[in-house]
Amino acid sequence: MTYSVNQMVGNLTAQVRNLAEVTIGVANDDLSKKITVDVRGEILQLKEATNTMVGPVRWFHCQKFSRRSRNRVINADFHAPKSTHIFGHLNRS
């Protein structure tokens, strides 16, 4: 009986650890992880909900950064130095 209880607790601990690892990753903008541990019951519902949530969050995250990059290019103030300042000494000789 003790073996069965220890096995159940160990299995549940592994499931919760994997769920926590992915959830913390999402909170820290690491959207590359998914819950991979074999689960059942309520933990399965959490696994499916979390893995389903990561897809749209990843898409939104990519859109946000591509929009930000696009705005930087559009709104950038490109003040490249004039070639006469860089190569002025060549023209003077």
Protein backbone atom coordinates (compact mmCIF):
# COMPACT_ATOMS: atom_id res chain seq x y z
CA MET A 1 0.00 0.00 0.00
CA THR A 2 2.80 2.42 0.88
CA TYR A 3 4.42 1.75 -2.50
CA SER A 4 1.18 2.62 -4.33
CA VAL A 5 0.74 5.84 -2.39
CA ASN A 6 4.37 6.85 -3.00
CA GLN A 7 4.00 6.06 -6.69
CA MET A 8 0.81 8.18 -6.94
CA VAL A 9 2.45 11.08 -5.12
CA GLY A 10 5.55 10.86 -7.31
CA ASN A 11 3.42 10.79 -10.45
CA LEU A 12 1.36 13.78 -9.33
CA THR A 13 4.50 15.70 -8.38
CA ALA A 14 6.00 15.13 -11.84
CA GLN A 15 2.79 16.34 -13.49
CA VAL A 16 2.59 19.49 -11.36
CA ARG A 17 6.30 20.23 -11.93
CA ASN A 18 5.88 20.03 -15.70
CA LEU A 19 2.78 22.22 -15.56
CA ALA A 20 4.58 24.75 -13.35
CA GLU A 21 7.66 24.80 -15.61
CA VAL A 22 5.60 25.64 -18.69
CA THR A 23 3.39 28.16 -16.88
CA ILE A 24 6.42 29.97 -15.45
CA GLY A 25 8.00 29.90 -18.92
CA VAL A 26 4.93 31.58 -20.42
CA ALA A 27 5.00 34.20 -17.67
CA ASN A 28 8.66 34.88 -18.55
CA ASP A 29 7.98 35.15 -22.32
CA ASP A 30 9.35 31.68 -23.06
CA LEU A 31 6.66 30.40 -25.40
CA SER A 32 8.65 27.48 -26.77
CA LYS A 33 7.55 24.96 -24.15
CA LYS A 34 4.49 22.76 -23.95
CA ILE A 35 3.32 20.35 -21.29
CA THR A 36 4.45 16.90 -22.37
CA VAL A 37 3.90 14.71 -19.31
CA ASP A 38 1.26 11.97 -19.56
CA VAL A 39 -1.73 13.07 -17.46
CA ARG A 40 -5.38 12.27 -16.74
CA GLY A 41 -8.39 13.92 -15.15
CA GLU A 42 -8.24 17.51 -14.01
CA ILE A 43 -4.51 17.76 -14.72
CA LEU A 44 -5.31 16.75 -18.32
CA GLN A 45 -7.72 19.67 -18.53
CA LEU A 46 -5.01 22.02 -17.25
CA LYS A 47 -2.53 20.55 -19.73
CA GLU A 48 -4.88 21.01 -22.68
CA ALA A 49 -5.89 24.52 -21.61
CA THR A 50 -2.29 25.62 -21.09
CA ASN A 51 -1.00 24.10 -24.34
CA THR A 52 -3.94 25.63 -26.22
CA MET A 53 -3.28 29.02 -24.64
CA VAL A 54 0.39 29.06 -25.66
CA GLY A 55 -0.42 29.09 -29.40
CA PRO A 56 -2.41 32.35 -29.48
CA VAL A 57 -0.05 33.97 -26.96
CA ARG A 58 2.91 33.04 -29.19
CA TRP A 59 1.10 34.50 -32.23
CA PHE A 60 0.22 37.71 -30.36
CA HIS A 61 3.77 37.97 -29.04
CA CYS A 62 5.22 37.67 -32.55
CA GLN A 63 2.74 40.21 -33.92
CA LYS A 64 3.59 42.65 -31.15
CA PHE A 65 7.31 42.44 -31.84
CA SER A 66 6.96 42.56 -35.61
CA ARG A 67 4.66 45.60 -35.28
CA ARG A 68 7.16 47.25 -32.94
CA SER A 69 10.02 46.56 -35.36
CA ARG A 70 7.99 47.82 -38.31
CA ASN A 71 7.18 51.04 -36.41
CA ARG A 72 10.83 51.57 -35.59
CA VAL A 73 11.74 51.36 -39.26
CA ILE A 74 8.88 53.62 -40.35
CA ASN A 75 9.44 56.18 -37.60
CA ALA A 76 13.22 55.97 -37.54
CA ASP A 77 15.09 59.19 -37.88
CA PHE A 78 17.88 58.20 -40.23
CA HIS A 79 20.47 60.90 -40.01
CA ALA A 80 23.40 59.29 -41.67
CA PRO A 81 26.46 61.49 -41.78
CA LYS A 82 26.96 63.21 -45.09
CA SER A 83 29.63 61.72 -47.27
CA THR A 84 31.39 65.08 -47.40
CA HIS A 85 32.02 64.86 -43.68
CA ILE A 86 33.44 61.36 -43.90
CA PHE A 87 35.29 61.71 -47.17
CA GLY A 88 35.83 65.48 -47.15
CA HIS A 89 39.58 65.10 -46.87
CA LEU A 90 39.61 63.20 -50.19
CA ASN A 91 37.89 66.05 -52.00
CA ARG A 92 40.25 68.66 -50.63
CA SER A 93 43.39 67.16 -52.07
